[in-house]
Protein backbone atom coordinates (compact mmCIF):
# COMPACT_ATOMS: atom_id res chain seq x y z
CA MET A 1 0.00 0.00 0.00
CA ASP A 2 1.12 3.60 -0.54
CA ASP A 3 2.50 5.79 2.21
CA TYR A 4 -0.18 7.11 4.55
CA ASP A 5 -1.99 10.05 2.97
CA PRO A 6 -3.80 12.27 5.51
CA ASN A 7 -6.27 13.33 2.79
CA LYS A 8 -7.57 9.78 2.45
CA VAL A 9 -10.17 8.12 4.61
CA TYR A 10 -11.38 4.55 4.90
CA PHE A 11 -14.36 3.37 2.91
CA ARG A 12 -16.09 -0.01 2.95
CA CYS A 13 -17.78 -1.42 -0.11
CA ASN A 14 -21.38 -2.40 0.62
CA THR A 15 -21.32 -4.88 -2.27
CA CYS A 16 -18.21 -6.99 -1.60
CA ASP A 17 -17.28 -5.75 1.92
CA PHE A 18 -13.79 -4.66 0.82
CA LEU A 19 -12.10 -2.01 3.00
CA PHE A 20 -9.99 0.57 1.18
CA MET A 21 -8.62 4.09 1.45
CA GLU A 22 -9.66 6.84 -0.93
CA ASP A 23 -9.71 10.61 -1.11
CA PRO A 24 -13.29 11.67 -0.19
CA GLU A 25 -13.00 14.65 -2.57
CA ARG A 26 -12.86 12.25 -5.49
CA PHE A 27 -16.24 11.50 -7.06
CA PRO A 28 -17.45 8.96 -7.54
CA VAL A 29 -15.63 6.90 -4.93
CA MET A 30 -15.49 3.39 -6.38
CA CYS A 31 -14.41 0.10 -4.87
CA PRO A 32 -11.07 -0.95 -6.41
CA GLN A 33 -12.00 -4.61 -5.99
CA CYS A 34 -15.43 -4.87 -7.63
CA GLY A 35 -15.96 -1.40 -9.15
CA SER A 36 -19.13 -0.67 -7.19
CA GLU A 37 -20.04 2.89 -6.23
CA ASN A 38 -22.10 1.55 -3.31
CA VAL A 39 -19.55 2.45 -0.63
CA SER A 40 -19.81 3.97 2.83
CA ARG A 41 -17.29 5.87 4.87
CA SER A 42 -15.99 3.84 7.79
């Protein structure tokens, strides 16, 4: 994984339950594992 980026927060995919970090300013936030946009901030 990349170095820790303070601008990124954790999201969890509601489709495949994958936990990942993404910049919340980026739209849409998509799951890197399954491509779903059905994610929630965790």
